[in-house]
Protein backbone atom coordinates (compact mmCIF):
# COMPACT_ATOMS: atom_id res chain seq x y z
CA MET A 1 0.00 0.00 0.00
CA SER A 2 1.14 3.55 -0.65
CA LYS A 3 2.20 5.95 2.05
CA ILE A 4 -0.75 7.71 3.71
CA ILE A 5 -0.20 11.44 4.16
CA GLY A 6 -2.18 13.28 6.83
CA LEU A 7 -2.41 10.64 9.54
CA ASP A 8 0.52 11.94 11.57
CA GLY A 9 -0.35 12.30 15.24
CA LEU A 10 -3.87 10.89 14.92
CA THR A 11 -5.00 7.95 16.99
CA VAL A 12 -7.11 5.14 15.57
CA ALA A 13 -10.13 6.53 17.45
CA GLU A 14 -9.58 9.99 15.95
CA VAL A 15 -9.27 8.56 12.44
CA ASN A 16 -12.48 6.57 12.90
CA GLN A 17 -14.26 9.68 14.20
CA GLU A 18 -13.06 11.70 11.20
CA LEU A 19 -14.22 8.96 8.82
CA ALA A 20 -17.64 8.97 10.51
CA ASN A 21 -17.75 12.76 9.95
CA GLY A 22 -17.04 12.38 6.23
CA ALA A 23 -13.25 12.20 5.90
CA LYS A 24 -11.84 10.26 2.96
CA PHE A 25 -8.68 8.68 1.65
CA ILE A 26 -7.90 10.26 -1.74
CA VAL A 27 -5.31 9.81 -4.48
CA PHE A 28 -4.57 12.31 -7.24
CA LEU A 29 -3.64 11.35 -10.79
CA TYR A 30 -0.85 12.76 -12.91
CA CYS A 31 0.85 11.88 -16.16
CA PHE A 32 4.04 12.77 -17.94
CA SER A 33 5.25 12.02 -21.44
CA ILE A 34 8.54 11.51 -23.21
CA VAL A 35 7.75 11.81 -26.92
CA ILE A 36 6.09 8.45 -27.65
CA LEU A 37 5.98 7.16 -24.07
CA THR A 38 3.34 8.34 -21.63
CA PHE A 39 3.18 7.37 -17.98
CA LYS A 40 0.02 7.65 -15.88
CA ARG A 41 0.55 7.48 -12.13
CA SER A 42 -1.25 8.16 -8.88
CA SER A 43 0.01 10.08 -5.88
CA ASN A 44 0.45 8.75 -2.39
CA ILE A 45 -2.78 8.42 -0.44
CA TYR A 46 -3.98 11.59 1.28
CA PHE A 47 -6.21 11.54 4.35
CA ILE A 48 -8.63 14.42 3.76
CA LYS A 49 -10.65 15.49 6.78
CA SER A 50 -14.29 16.40 6.24
CA ASP A 51 -13.62 20.14 6.50
CA ASP A 52 -10.50 20.14 4.26
CA LYS A 53 -10.36 21.05 0.58
CA THR A 54 -8.41 19.02 -1.97
CA LEU A 55 -7.43 21.81 -4.37
CA LYS A 56 -4.19 22.73 -2.61
CA LYS A 57 -3.12 19.09 -2.32
CA SER A 58 -3.92 18.31 -5.97
CA LEU A 59 -2.22 21.39 -7.42
CA LYS A 60 1.24 19.82 -7.76
CA PHE A 61 -0.12 16.80 -9.65
CA THR A 62 -2.36 18.94 -11.84
CA LEU A 63 0.58 21.14 -12.83
CA ILE A 64 2.76 18.13 -13.65
CA SER A 65 0.06 16.88 -16.01
CA LEU A 66 -0.50 20.30 -17.56
CA PHE A 67 3.17 20.91 -18.33
CA PHE A 68 4.53 17.41 -18.97
CA GLY A 69 1.56 15.17 -19.76
CA TRP A 70 0.20 16.15 -23.12
CA TRP A 71 3.44 15.70 -25.14
CA GLY A 72 2.94 11.99 -25.85
CA ILE A 73 0.84 11.06 -28.87
CA PRO A 74 -1.94 9.84 -28.54
CA TRP A 75 -2.03 8.77 -24.88
CA GLY A 76 -0.49 11.92 -23.47
CA ILE A 77 -3.49 14.03 -24.40
CA ILE A 78 -5.98 11.39 -23.24
CA TYR A 79 -4.25 10.72 -19.90
CA THR A 80 -3.77 14.44 -19.26
CA ILE A 81 -7.47 15.12 -19.68
CA GLN A 82 -8.35 12.14 -17.44
CA SER A 83 -5.93 13.32 -14.76
CA LEU A 84 -7.18 16.89 -14.85
CA LEU A 85 -10.83 15.85 -14.63
CA THR A 86 -10.15 13.50 -11.73
CA ASN A 87 -8.14 16.11 -9.81
CA PHE A 88 -10.64 18.92 -10.44
CA ARG A 89 -13.38 16.64 -9.08
CA GLY A 90 -11.47 16.22 -5.83
CA GLY A 91 -9.31 13.20 -6.64
CA LYS A 92 -10.11 9.51 -6.61
CA ASP A 93 -11.73 8.21 -3.42
CA VAL A 94 -9.94 5.05 -2.28
CA THR A 95 -11.45 4.90 1.22
CA PRO A 96 -13.00 1.41 0.81
CA GLN A 97 -9.72 -0.08 -0.42
CA VAL A 98 -7.69 1.54 2.36
CA MET A 99 -10.12 0.43 5.06
CA SER A 100 -10.11 -3.10 3.67
CA ALA A 101 -6.30 -3.20 3.70
CA LEU A 102 -6.11 -1.75 7.23
CA ARG A 103 -8.49 -4.39 8.60
CA GLN A 104 -6.32 -7.26 7.41
CA PRO A 105 -3.85 -8.65 9.96
């Protein structure tokens, strides 16, 4: 599993309380291209509390896609648009997968 950013200093009880209040585990997409090769990746997992916004956290990945993603033909353009849409919508919610992985011994 990827590194989870935003859990520092929180107890299990506090994390569960935040999740009950609407917190989520989110990843952001980005892509970069080198002429004919395009790579689509996801960020580390971010723990987003219910009262936090994702725009600031997604900005770095959005900018990477904007400047370096669209160069590859044809996948660069396609992956860049997918990454931008996902990030502008708040990222990809991976809370069920994270919770499932955390419950396993």
